[in-house]
Amino acid sequence: MESHEPDLRAEVHDEAKVFQLQEDYRRAGLDLPTAGLLDFAVKLTLSPREMSRQDVDKLRSLGFADEDILDAVQMIGYFNYINRVLDGLGAQPEPNMRYGQRRS
């Protein structure tokens, strides 16, 4: 997330909310569709075998079109893929990132 902080800040314009989103998006007061999409991303990332048609149907009920859901799944999958590649190669986070500081 920190490598994309400039993009997040450009959208949010509120340092406290940026921090809250990074720490726990569930407590950041997001609208239902955004929170639902983030819940979907977390589940797909951490528990992919538990994904079901119900997860897709929930996104549809929140107003996402099938094309939106496909885009989201592809982006989530790509970020998971590239992070595994970097982890597998032993790449270290940039030193100024909090994540990098914790691993040091």
PDB file of N, CA and C in Angstrom:
ATOM      1  N   MET A   1       0.826  -1.194   0.000  1.00  0.00           N
ATOM      2  CA  MET A   1       0.000   0.000   0.000  1.00  0.00           C
ATOM      3  C   MET A   1       0.867   1.254   0.000  1.00  0.00           C
ATOM      4  N   GLU A   2       1.982   1.204   0.686  1.00  0.00           N
ATOM      5  CA  GLU A   2       2.773   2.413   0.815  1.00  0.00           C
ATOM      6  C   GLU A   2       3.393   2.852  -0.503  1.00  0.00           C
ATOM      7  N   SER A   3       3.656   1.914  -1.399  1.00  0.00           N
ATOM      8  CA  SER A   3       4.214   2.320  -2.680  1.00  0.00           C
ATOM      9  C   SER A   3       3.193   3.094  -3.497  1.00  0.00           C
ATOM     10  N   HIS A   4       1.938   3.013  -3.104  1.00  0.00           N
ATOM     11  CA  HIS A   4       0.870   3.729  -3.803  1.00  0.00           C
ATOM     12  C   HIS A   4       0.304   4.876  -2.968  1.00  0.00           C
ATOM     13  N   GLU A   5       1.005   5.240  -1.904  1.00  0.00           N
ATOM     14  CA  GLU A   5       0.523   6.325  -1.047  1.00  0.00           C
ATOM     15  C   GLU A   5       0.269   7.623  -1.803  1.00  0.00           C
ATOM     16  N   PRO A   6       1.134   8.019  -2.724  1.00  0.00           N
ATOM     17  CA  PRO A   6       0.846   9.272  -3.445  1.00  0.00           C
ATOM     18  C   PRO A   6      -0.496   9.237  -4.171  1.00  0.00           C
ATOM     19  N   ASP A   7      -0.832   8.087  -4.747  1.00  0.00           N
ATOM     20  CA  ASP A   7      -2.123   7.960  -5.429  1.00  0.00           C
ATOM     21  C   ASP A   7      -3.269   8.057  -4.429  1.00  0.00           C
ATOM     22  N   LEU A   8      -3.118   7.397  -3.289  1.00  0.00           N
ATOM     23  CA  LEU A   8      -4.141   7.445  -2.251  1.00  0.00           C
ATOM     24  C   LEU A   8      -4.333   8.872  -1.748  1.00  0.00           C
ATOM     25  N   ARG A   9      -3.225   9.548  -1.484  1.00  0.00           N
ATOM     26  CA  ARG A   9      -3.312  10.936  -1.015  1.00  0.00           C
ATOM     27  C   ARG A   9      -3.965  11.851  -2.055  1.00  0.00           C
ATOM     28  N   ALA A  10      -3.691  11.600  -3.325  1.00  0.00           N
ATOM     29  CA  ALA A  10      -4.284  12.414  -4.386  1.00  0.00           C
ATOM     30  C   ALA A  10      -5.794  12.242  -4.438  1.00  0.00           C
ATOM     31  N   GLU A  11      -6.282  11.082  -4.033  1.00  0.00           N
ATOM     32  CA  GLU A  11      -7.716  10.825  -4.029  1.00  0.00           C
ATOM     33  C   GLU A  11      -8.390  11.268  -2.734  1.00  0.00           C
ATOM     34  N   VAL A  12      -7.716  11.095  -1.606  1.00  0.00           N
ATOM     35  CA  VAL A  12      -8.355  11.278  -0.309  1.00  0.00           C
ATOM     36  C   VAL A  12      -8.199  12.690   0.248  1.00  0.00           C
ATOM     37  N   HIS A  13      -7.038  13.300   0.119  1.00  0.00           N
ATOM     38  CA  HIS A  13      -6.788  14.671   0.591  1.00  0.00           C
ATOM     39  C   HIS A  13      -6.996  14.836   2.101  1.00  0.00           C
ATOM     40  N   ASP A  14      -6.753  13.793   2.865  1.00  0.00           N
ATOM     41  CA  ASP A  14      -6.957  13.864   4.309  1.00  0.00           C
ATOM     42  C   ASP A  14      -5.979  12.881   4.952  1.00  0.00           C
ATOM     43  N   GLU A  15      -4.937  13.416   5.592  1.00  0.00           N
ATOM     44  CA  GLU A  15      -3.886  12.571   6.150  1.00  0.00           C
ATOM     45  C   GLU A  15      -4.416  11.580   7.187  1.00  0.00           C
ATOM     46  N   ALA A  16      -5.338  12.016   8.025  1.00  0.00           N
ATOM     47  CA  ALA A  16      -5.884  11.119   9.048  1.00  0.00           C
ATOM     48  C   ALA A  16      -6.611   9.950   8.384  1.00  0.00           C
ATOM     49  N   LYS A  17      -7.351  10.223   7.319  1.00  0.00           N
ATOM     50  CA  LYS A  17      -8.082   9.154   6.631  1.00  0.00           C
ATOM     51  C   LYS A  17      -7.113   8.228   5.891  1.00  0.00           C
ATOM     52  N   VAL A  18      -6.061   8.790   5.300  1.00  0.00           N
ATOM     53  CA  VAL A  18      -5.042   7.962   4.642  1.00  0.00           C
ATOM     54  C   VAL A  18      -4.466   6.975   5.651  1.00  0.00           C
ATOM     55  N   PHE A  19      -4.097   7.475   6.822  1.00  0.00           N
ATOM     56  CA  PHE A  19      -3.548   6.616   7.865  1.00  0.00           C
ATOM     57  C   PHE A  19      -4.571   5.555   8.277  1.00  0.00           C
ATOM     58  N   GLN A  20      -5.811   5.958   8.465  1.00  0.00           N
ATOM     59  CA  GLN A  20      -6.853   5.014   8.879  1.00  0.00           C
ATOM     60  C   GLN A  20      -7.069   3.942   7.824  1.00  0.00           C
ATOM     61  N   LEU A  21      -7.055   4.322   6.566  1.00  0.00           N
ATOM     62  CA  LEU A  21      -7.213   3.346   5.490  1.00  0.00           C
ATOM     63  C   LEU A  21      -6.078   2.330   5.511  1.00  0.00           C
ATOM     64  N   GLN A  22      -4.886   2.799   5.784  1.00  0.00           N
ATOM     65  CA  GLN A  22      -3.744   1.892   5.821  1.00  0.00           C
ATOM     66  C   GLN A  22      -3.782   0.980   7.046  1.00  0.00           C
ATOM     67  N   GLU A  23      -4.241   1.498   8.138  1.00  0.00           N
ATOM     68  CA  GLU A  23      -4.254   0.718   9.380  1.00  0.00           C
ATOM     69  C   GLU A  23      -5.443  -0.239   9.457  1.00  0.00           C
ATOM     70  N   ASP A  24      -6.639   0.228   9.096  1.00  0.00           N
ATOM     71  CA  ASP A  24      -7.841  -0.608   9.150  1.00  0.00           C
ATOM     72  C   ASP A  24      -8.951   0.069   8.355  1.00  0.00           C
ATOM     73  N   TYR A  25      -9.063  -0.303   7.105  1.00  0.00           N
ATOM     74  CA  TYR A  25     -10.052   0.339   6.226  1.00  0.00           C
ATOM     75  C   TYR A  25     -11.471   0.159   6.758  1.00  0.00           C
ATOM     76  N   ARG A  26     -11.714  -0.893   7.530  1.00  0.00           N
ATOM     77  CA  ARG A  26     -13.069  -1.147   8.035  1.00  0.00           C
ATOM     78  C   ARG A  26     -13.534  -0.061   9.001  1.00  0.00           C
ATOM     79  N   ARG A  27     -12.600   0.667   9.572  1.00  0.00           N
ATOM     80  CA  ARG A  27     -12.952   1.716  10.533  1.00  0.00           C
ATOM     81  C   ARG A  27     -12.769   3.113   9.937  1.00  0.00           C
ATOM     82  N   ALA A  28     -12.660   3.189   8.614  1.00  0.00           N
ATOM     83  CA  ALA A  28     -12.390   4.469   7.949  1.00  0.00           C
ATOM     84  C   ALA A  28     -13.647   5.167   7.450  1.00  0.00           C
ATOM     85  N   GLY A  29     -14.818   4.625   7.738  1.00  0.00           N
ATOM     86  CA  GLY A  29     -16.054   5.274   7.320  1.00  0.00           C
ATOM     87  C   GLY A  29     -16.281   5.271   5.819  1.00  0.00           C
ATOM     88  N   LEU A  30     -15.887   4.210   5.160  1.00  0.00           N
ATOM     89  CA  LEU A  30     -16.062   4.114   3.709  1.00  0.00           C
ATOM     90  C   LEU A  30     -17.510   3.805   3.360  1.00  0.00           C
ATOM     91  N   ASP A  31     -17.906   4.159   2.138  1.00  0.00           N
ATOM     92  CA  ASP A  31     -19.244   3.800   1.675  1.00  0.00           C
ATOM     93  C   ASP A  31     -19.306   2.278   1.490  1.00  0.00           C
ATOM     94  N   LEU A  32     -20.515   1.733   1.477  1.00  0.00           N
ATOM     95  CA  LEU A  32     -20.697   0.280   1.407  1.00  0.00           C
ATOM     96  C   LEU A  32     -20.052  -0.371   0.188  1.00  0.00           C
ATOM     97  N   PRO A  33     -20.192   0.199  -1.029  1.00  0.00           N
ATOM     98  CA  PRO A  33     -19.541  -0.436  -2.170  1.00  0.00           C
ATOM     99  C   PRO A  33     -18.016  -0.511  -2.034  1.00  0.00           C
ATOM    100  N   THR A  34     -17.406   0.562  -1.568  1.00  0.00           N
ATOM    101  CA  THR A  34     -15.942   0.565  -1.425  1.00  0.00           C
ATOM    102  C   THR A  34     -15.503  -0.436  -0.366  1.00  0.00           C
ATOM    103  N   ALA A  35     -16.162  -0.429   0.778  1.00  0.00           N
ATOM    104  CA  ALA A  35     -15.826  -1.385   1.840  1.00  0.00           C
ATOM    105  C   ALA A  35     -16.064  -2.817   1.363  1.00  0.00           C
ATOM    106  N   GLY A  36     -17.135  -3.041   0.626  1.00  0.00           N
ATOM    107  CA  GLY A  36     -17.427  -4.375   0.104  1.00  0.00           C
ATOM    108  C   GLY A  36     -16.361  -4.855  -0.870  1.00  0.00           C
ATOM    109  N   LEU A  37     -15.902  -3.957  -1.721  1.00  0.00           N
ATOM    110  CA  LEU A  37     -14.848  -4.316  -2.667  1.00  0.00           C
ATOM    111  C   LEU A  37     -13.551  -4.640  -1.925  1.00  0.00           C
ATOM    112  N   LEU A  38     -13.241  -3.868  -0.906  1.00  0.00           N
ATOM    113  CA  LEU A  38     -12.035  -4.146  -0.121  1.00  0.00           C
ATOM    114  C   LEU A  38     -12.166  -5.463   0.641  1.00  0.00           C
ATOM    115  N   ASP A  39     -13.346  -5.756   1.174  1.00  0.00           N
ATOM    116  CA  ASP A  39     -13.566  -7.054   1.826  1.00  0.00           C
ATOM    117  C   ASP A  39     -13.335  -8.190   0.828  1.00  0.00           C
ATOM    118  N   PHE A  40     -13.831  -8.014  -0.378  1.00  0.00           N
ATOM    119  CA  PHE A  40     -13.656  -9.003  -1.437  1.00  0.00           C
ATOM    120  C   PHE A  40     -12.170  -9.201  -1.726  1.00  0.00           C
ATOM    121  N   ALA A  41     -11.419  -8.099  -1.831  1.00  0.00           N
ATOM    122  CA  ALA A  41      -9.983  -8.164  -2.114  1.00  0.00           C
ATOM    123  C   ALA A  41      -9.235  -8.888  -0.993  1.00  0.00           C
ATOM    124  N   VAL A  42      -9.595  -8.607   0.241  1.00  0.00           N
ATOM    125  CA  VAL A  42      -8.943  -9.272   1.376  1.00  0.00           C
ATOM    126  C   VAL A  42      -9.222 -10.774   1.329  1.00  0.00           C
ATOM    127  N   LYS A  43     -10.470 -11.137   1.093  1.00  0.00           N
ATOM    128  CA  LYS A  43     -10.818 -12.555   1.057  1.00  0.00           C
ATOM    129  C   LYS A  43     -10.106 -13.268  -0.088  1.00  0.00           C
ATOM    130  N   LEU A  44     -10.091 -12.655  -1.262  1.00  0.00           N
ATOM    131  CA  LEU A  44      -9.420 -13.267  -2.407  1.00  0.00           C
ATOM    132  C   LEU A  44      -7.922 -13.412  -2.146  1.00  0.00           C
ATOM    133  N   THR A  45      -7.353 -12.478  -1.438  1.00  0.00           N
ATOM    134  CA  THR A  45      -5.925 -12.504  -1.133  1.00  0.00           C
ATOM    135  C   THR A  45      -5.585 -13.537  -0.056  1.00  0.00           C
ATOM    136  N   LEU A  46      -6.354 -13.551   1.018  1.00  0.00           N
ATOM    137  CA  LEU A  46      -6.008 -14.384   2.174  1.00  0.00           C
ATOM    138  C   LEU A  46      -6.662 -15.764   2.174  1.00  0.00           C
ATOM    139  N   SER A  47      -7.814 -15.885   1.534  1.00  0.00           N
ATOM    140  CA  SER A  47      -8.569 -17.149   1.571  1.00  0.00           C
ATOM    141  C   SER A  47      -9.153 -17.470   0.202  1.00  0.00           C
ATOM    142  N   PRO A  48      -8.333 -17.578  -0.818  1.00  0.00           N
ATOM    143  CA  PRO A  48      -8.885 -17.748  -2.169  1.00  0.00           C
ATOM    144  C   PRO A  48      -9.741 -18.994  -2.342  1.00  0.00           C
ATOM    145  N   ARG A  49      -9.459 -20.046  -1.606  1.00  0.00           N
ATOM    146  CA  ARG A  49     -10.251 -21.276  -1.736  1.00  0.00           C
ATOM    147  C   ARG A  49     -11.659 -21.121  -1.175  1.00  0.00           C
ATOM    148  N   GLU A  50     -11.866 -20.079  -0.381  1.00  0.00           N
ATOM    149  CA  GLU A  50     -13.191 -19.846   0.202  1.00  0.00           C
ATOM    150  C   GLU A  50     -14.076 -18.951  -0.666  1.00  0.00           C
ATOM    151  N   MET A  51     -13.546 -18.466  -1.777  1.00  0.00           N
ATOM    152  CA  MET A  51     -14.333 -17.612  -2.657  1.00  0.00           C
ATOM    153  C   MET A  51     -15.449 -18.430  -3.297  1.00  0.00           C
ATOM    154  N   SER A  52     -16.599 -17.766  -3.501  1.00  0.00           N
ATOM    155  CA  SER A  52     -17.727 -18.450  -4.125  1.00  0.00           C
ATOM    156  C   SER A  52     -18.536 -17.461  -4.962  1.00  0.00           C
ATOM    157  N   ARG A  53     -19.522 -17.977  -5.642  1.00  0.00           N
ATOM    158  CA  ARG A  53     -20.425 -17.156  -6.428  1.00  0.00           C
ATOM    159  C   ARG A  53     -21.088 -16.099  -5.546  1.00  0.00           C
ATOM    160  N   GLN A  54     -21.307 -16.421  -4.270  1.00  0.00           N
ATOM    161  CA  GLN A  54     -21.927 -15.462  -3.343  1.00  0.00           C
ATOM    162  C   GLN A  54     -21.086 -14.191  -3.192  1.00  0.00           C
ATOM    163  N   ASP A  55     -19.769 -14.339  -3.252  1.00  0.00           N
ATOM    164  CA  ASP A  55     -18.906 -13.160  -3.158  1.00  0.00           C
ATOM    165  C   ASP A  55     -19.113 -12.239  -4.357  1.00  0.00           C
ATOM    166  N   VAL A  56     -19.241 -12.830  -5.520  1.00  0.00           N
ATOM    167  CA  VAL A  56     -19.497 -12.052  -6.738  1.00  0.00           C
ATOM    168  C   VAL A  56     -20.894 -11.432  -6.667  1.00  0.00           C
ATOM    169  N   ASP A  57     -21.860 -12.220  -6.227  1.00  0.00           N
ATOM    170  CA  ASP A  57     -23.230 -11.712  -6.116  1.00  0.00           C
ATOM    171  C   ASP A  57     -23.310 -10.539  -5.136  1.00  0.00           C
ATOM    172  N   LYS A  58     -22.533 -10.586  -4.066  1.00  0.00           N
ATOM    173  CA  LYS A  58     -22.541  -9.473  -3.114  1.00  0.00           C
ATOM    174  C   LYS A  58     -22.038  -8.197  -3.788  1.00  0.00           C
ATOM    175  N   LEU A  59     -20.974  -8.305  -4.584  1.00  0.00           N
ATOM    176  CA  LEU A  59     -20.491  -7.123  -5.300  1.00  0.00           C
ATOM    177  C   LEU A  59     -21.549  -6.604  -6.265  1.00  0.00           C
ATOM    178  N   ARG A  60     -22.233  -7.507  -6.943  1.00  0.00           N
ATOM    179  CA  ARG A  60     -23.314  -7.080  -7.841  1.00  0.00           C
ATOM    180  C   ARG A  60     -24.386  -6.324  -7.054  1.00  0.00           C
ATOM    181  N   SER A  61     -24.729  -6.838  -5.869  1.00  0.00           N
ATOM    182  CA  SER A  61     -25.767  -6.187  -5.058  1.00  0.00           C
ATOM    183  C   SER A  61     -25.335  -4.804  -4.582  1.00  0.00           C
ATOM    184  N   LEU A  62     -24.026  -4.565  -4.566  1.00  0.00           N
ATOM    185  CA  LEU A  62     -23.497  -3.251  -4.169  1.00  0.00           C
ATOM    186  C   LEU A  62     -23.369  -2.305  -5.361  1.00  0.00           C
ATOM    187  N   GLY A  63     -23.777  -2.786  -6.540  1.00  0.00           N
ATOM    188  CA  GLY A  63     -23.793  -1.918  -7.715  1.00  0.00           C
ATOM    189  C   GLY A  63     -22.678  -2.142  -8.714  1.00  0.00           C
ATOM    190  N   PHE A  64     -21.844  -3.138  -8.491  1.00  0.00           N
ATOM    191  CA  PHE A  64     -20.751  -3.399  -9.430  1.00  0.00           C
ATOM    192  C   PHE A  64     -21.244  -4.216 -10.603  1.00  0.00           C
ATOM    193  N   ALA A  65     -20.874  -3.797 -11.792  1.00  0.00           N
ATOM    194  CA  ALA A  65     -21.197  -4.545 -13.007  1.00  0.00           C
ATOM    195  C   ALA A  65     -20.193  -5.693 -13.155  1.00  0.00           C
ATOM    196  N   ASP A  66     -20.551  -6.666 -13.971  1.00  0.00           N
ATOM    197  CA  ASP A  66     -19.658  -7.801 -14.187  1.00  0.00           C
ATOM    198  C   ASP A  66     -18.283  -7.351 -14.685  1.00  0.00           C
ATOM    199  N   GLU A  67     -18.254  -6.336 -15.527  1.00  0.00           N
ATOM    200  CA  GLU A  67     -16.980  -5.829 -16.036  1.00  0.00           C
ATOM    201  C   GLU A  67     -16.132  -5.244 -14.899  1.00  0.00           C
ATOM    202  N   ASP A  68     -16.783  -4.559 -13.954  1.00  0.00           N
ATOM    203  CA  ASP A  68     -16.072  -4.013 -12.798  1.00  0.00           C
ATOM    204  C   ASP A  68     -15.475  -5.132 -11.957  1.00  0.00           C
ATOM    205  N   ILE A  69     -16.252  -6.188 -11.771  1.00  0.00           N
ATOM    206  CA  ILE A  69     -15.808  -7.314 -10.948  1.00  0.00           C
ATOM    207  C   ILE A  69     -14.634  -8.020 -11.624  1.00  0.00           C
ATOM    208  N   LEU A  70     -14.728  -8.200 -12.922  1.00  0.00           N
ATOM    209  CA  LEU A  70     -13.619  -8.806 -13.659  1.00  0.00           C
ATOM    210  C   LEU A  70     -12.359  -7.960 -13.522  1.00  0.00           C
ATOM    211  N   ASP A  71     -12.489  -6.654 -13.696  1.00  0.00           N
ATOM    212  CA  ASP A  71     -11.330  -5.761 -13.535  1.00  0.00           C
ATOM    213  C   ASP A  71     -10.741  -5.877 -12.133  1.00  0.00           C
ATOM    214  N   ALA A  72     -11.604  -5.905 -11.127  1.00  0.00           N
ATOM    215  CA  ALA A  72     -11.136  -5.994  -9.736  1.00  0.00           C
ATOM    216  C   ALA A  72     -10.389  -7.302  -9.516  1.00  0.00           C
ATOM    217  N   VAL A  73     -10.948  -8.418  -9.968  1.00  0.00           N
ATOM    218  CA  VAL A  73     -10.294  -9.715  -9.775  1.00  0.00           C
ATOM    219  C   VAL A  73      -8.936  -9.742 -10.473  1.00  0.00           C
ATOM    220  N   GLN A  74      -8.870  -9.186 -11.668  1.00  0.00           N
ATOM    221  CA  GLN A  74      -7.593  -9.163 -12.383  1.00  0.00           C
ATOM    222  C   GLN A  74      -6.564  -8.302 -11.651  1.00  0.00           C
ATOM    223  N   MET A  75      -6.971  -7.162 -11.146  1.00  0.00           N
ATOM    224  CA  MET A  75      -6.037  -6.287 -10.420  1.00  0.00           C
ATOM    225  C   MET A  75      -5.596  -6.912  -9.104  1.00  0.00           C
ATOM    226  N   ILE A  76      -6.523  -7.489  -8.377  1.00  0.00           N
ATOM    227  CA  ILE A  76      -6.193  -8.144  -7.107  1.00  0.00           C
ATOM    228  C   ILE A  76      -5.229  -9.297  -7.373  1.00  0.00           C
ATOM    229  N   GLY A  77      -5.547 -10.103  -8.383  1.00  0.00           N
ATOM    230  CA  GLY A  77      -4.684 -11.228  -8.733  1.00  0.00           C
ATOM    231  C   GLY A  77      -3.297 -10.769  -9.149  1.00  0.00           C
ATOM    232  N   TYR A  78      -3.230  -9.699  -9.931  1.00  0.00           N
ATOM    233  CA  TYR A  78      -1.927  -9.199 -10.373  1.00  0.00           C
ATOM    234  C   TYR A  78      -1.092  -8.726  -9.179  1.00  0.00           C
ATOM    235  N   PHE A  79      -1.686  -7.951  -8.294  1.00  0.00           N
ATOM    236  CA  PHE A  79      -0.928  -7.455  -7.139  1.00  0.00           C
ATOM    237  C   PHE A  79      -0.470  -8.615  -6.266  1.00  0.00           C
ATOM    238  N   ASN A  80      -1.311  -9.619  -6.088  1.00  0.00           N
ATOM    239  CA  ASN A  80      -0.887 -10.787  -5.324  1.00  0.00           C
ATOM    240  C   ASN A  80       0.264 -11.502  -6.026  1.00  0.00           C
ATOM    241  N   TYR A  81       0.149 -11.648  -7.330  1.00  0.00           N
ATOM    242  CA  TYR A  81       1.201 -12.299  -8.110  1.00  0.00           C
ATOM    243  C   TYR A  81       2.531 -11.558  -7.981  1.00  0.00           C
ATOM    244  N   ILE A  82       2.520 -10.274  -8.237  1.00  0.00           N
ATOM    245  CA  ILE A  82       3.782  -9.536  -8.254  1.00  0.00           C
ATOM    246  C   ILE A  82       4.402  -9.480  -6.864  1.00  0.00           C
ATOM    247  N   ASN A  83       3.578  -9.412  -5.826  1.00  0.00           N
ATOM    248  CA  ASN A  83       4.125  -9.444  -4.468  1.00  0.00           C
ATOM    249  C   ASN A  83       4.778 -10.791  -4.180  1.00  0.00           C
ATOM    250  N   ARG A  84       4.181 -11.896  -4.651  1.00  0.00           N
ATOM    251  CA  ARG A  84       4.798 -13.215  -4.442  1.00  0.00           C
ATOM    252  C   ARG A  84       6.101 -13.332  -5.215  1.00  0.00           C
ATOM    253  N   VAL A  85       6.146 -12.780  -6.412  1.00  0.00           N
ATOM    254  CA  VAL A  85       7.387 -12.803  -7.189  1.00  0.00           C
ATOM    255  C   VAL A  85       8.481 -12.059  -6.424  1.00  0.00           C
ATOM    256  N   LEU A  86       8.167 -10.856  -5.948  1.00  0.00           N
ATOM    257  CA  LEU A  86       9.171 -10.073  -5.217  1.00  0.00           C
ATOM    258  C   LEU A  86       9.580 -10.773  -3.924  1.00  0.00           C
ATOM    259  N   ASP A  87       8.611 -11.329  -3.200  1.00  0.00           N
ATOM    260  CA  ASP A  87       8.942 -12.079  -1.980  1.00  0.00           C
ATOM    261  C   ASP A  87       9.825 -13.283  -2.314  1.00  0.00           C
ATOM    262  N   GLY A  88       9.479 -13.988  -3.374  1.00  0.00           N
ATOM    263  CA  GLY A  88      10.235 -15.173  -3.772  1.00  0.00           C
ATOM    264  C   GLY A  88      11.661 -14.873  -4.177  1.00  0.00           C
ATOM    265  N   LEU A  89      11.881 -13.685  -4.680  1.00  0.00           N
ATOM    266  CA  LEU A  89      13.223 -13.273  -5.081  1.00  0.00           C
ATOM    267  C   LEU A  89      13.982 -12.599  -3.939  1.00  0.00           C
ATOM    268  N   GLY A  90      13.328 -12.451  -2.806  1.00  0.00           N
ATOM    269  CA  GLY A  90      13.988 -11.828  -1.658  1.00  0.00           C
ATOM    270  C   GLY A  90      14.120 -10.320  -1.776  1.00  0.00           C
ATOM    271  N   ALA A  91      13.313  -9.719  -2.637  1.00  0.00           N
ATOM    272  CA  ALA A  91      13.374  -8.266  -2.792  1.00  0.00           C
ATOM    273  C   ALA A  91      12.956  -7.605  -1.483  1.00  0.00           C
ATOM    274  N   GLN A  92      13.658  -6.580  -1.104  1.00  0.00           N
ATOM    275  CA  GLN A  92      13.369  -5.867   0.133  1.00  0.00           C
ATOM    276  C   GLN A  92      12.570  -4.605  -0.172  1.00  0.00           C
ATOM    277  N   PRO A  93      11.635  -4.254   0.701  1.00  0.00           N
ATOM    278  CA  PRO A  93      10.895  -3.003   0.512  1.00  0.00           C
ATOM    279  C   PRO A  93      11.843  -1.810   0.591  1.00  0.00           C
ATOM    280  N   GLU A  94      11.416  -0.714   0.041  1.00  0.00           N
ATOM    281  CA  GLU A  94      12.219   0.499   0.119  1.00  0.00           C
ATOM    282  C   GLU A  94      12.408   0.872   1.585  1.00  0.00           C
ATOM    283  N   PRO A  95      13.587   1.364   1.963  1.00  0.00           N
ATOM    284  CA  PRO A  95      13.887   1.624   3.374  1.00  0.00           C
ATOM    285  C   PRO A  95      12.955   2.624   4.055  1.00  0.00           C
ATOM    286  N   ASN A  96      12.384   3.552   3.295  1.00  0.00           N
ATOM    287  CA  ASN A  96      11.524   4.565   3.908  1.00  0.00           C
ATOM    288  C   ASN A  96      10.106   4.077   4.151  1.00  0.00           C
ATOM    289  N   MET A  97       9.785   2.856   3.746  1.00  0.00           N
ATOM    290  CA  MET A  97       8.443   2.317   3.966  1.00  0.00           C
ATOM    291  C   MET A  97       8.357   1.711   5.360  1.00  0.00           C
ATOM    292  N   ARG A  98       7.224   1.894   5.992  1.00  0.00           N
ATOM    293  CA  ARG A  98       7.017   1.314   7.325  1.00  0.00           C
ATOM    294  C   ARG A  98       7.220  -0.199   7.284  1.00  0.00           C
ATOM    295  N   TYR A  99       6.709  -0.838   6.239  1.00  0.00           N
ATOM    296  CA  TYR A  99       6.854  -2.279   6.107  1.00  0.00           C
ATOM    297  C   TYR A  99       8.337  -2.658   6.065  1.00  0.00           C
ATOM    298  N   GLY A 100       9.112  -1.900   5.311  1.00  0.00           N
ATOM    299  CA  GLY A 100      10.541  -2.147   5.225  1.00  0.00           C
ATOM    300  C   GLY A 100      11.229  -1.956   6.556  1.00  0.00           C
ATOM    301  N   GLN A 101      10.779  -0.982   7.321  1.00  0.00           N
ATOM    302  CA  GLN A 101      11.376  -0.729   8.638  1.00  0.00           C
ATOM    303  C   GLN A 101      11.069  -1.868   9.589  1.00  0.00           C
ATOM    304  N   ARG A 102       9.868  -2.440   9.501  1.00  0.00           N
ATOM    305  CA  ARG A 102       9.519  -3.556  10.379  1.00  0.00           C
ATOM    306  C   ARG A 102      10.317  -4.795  10.061  1.00  0.00           C
ATOM    307  N   ARG A 103      10.668  -4.984   8.791  1.00  0.00           N
ATOM    308  CA  ARG A 103      11.401  -6.185   8.386  1.00  0.00           C
ATOM    309  C   ARG A 103      12.886  -6.049   8.673  1.00  0.00           C
ATOM    310  N   SER A 104      13.369  -4.857   8.833  1.00  0.00           N
ATOM    311  CA  SER A 104      14.814  -4.644   9.023  1.00  0.00           C
ATOM    312  C   SER A 104      15.297  -5.250  10.313  1.00  0.00           C
TER     313      SER A 104
END
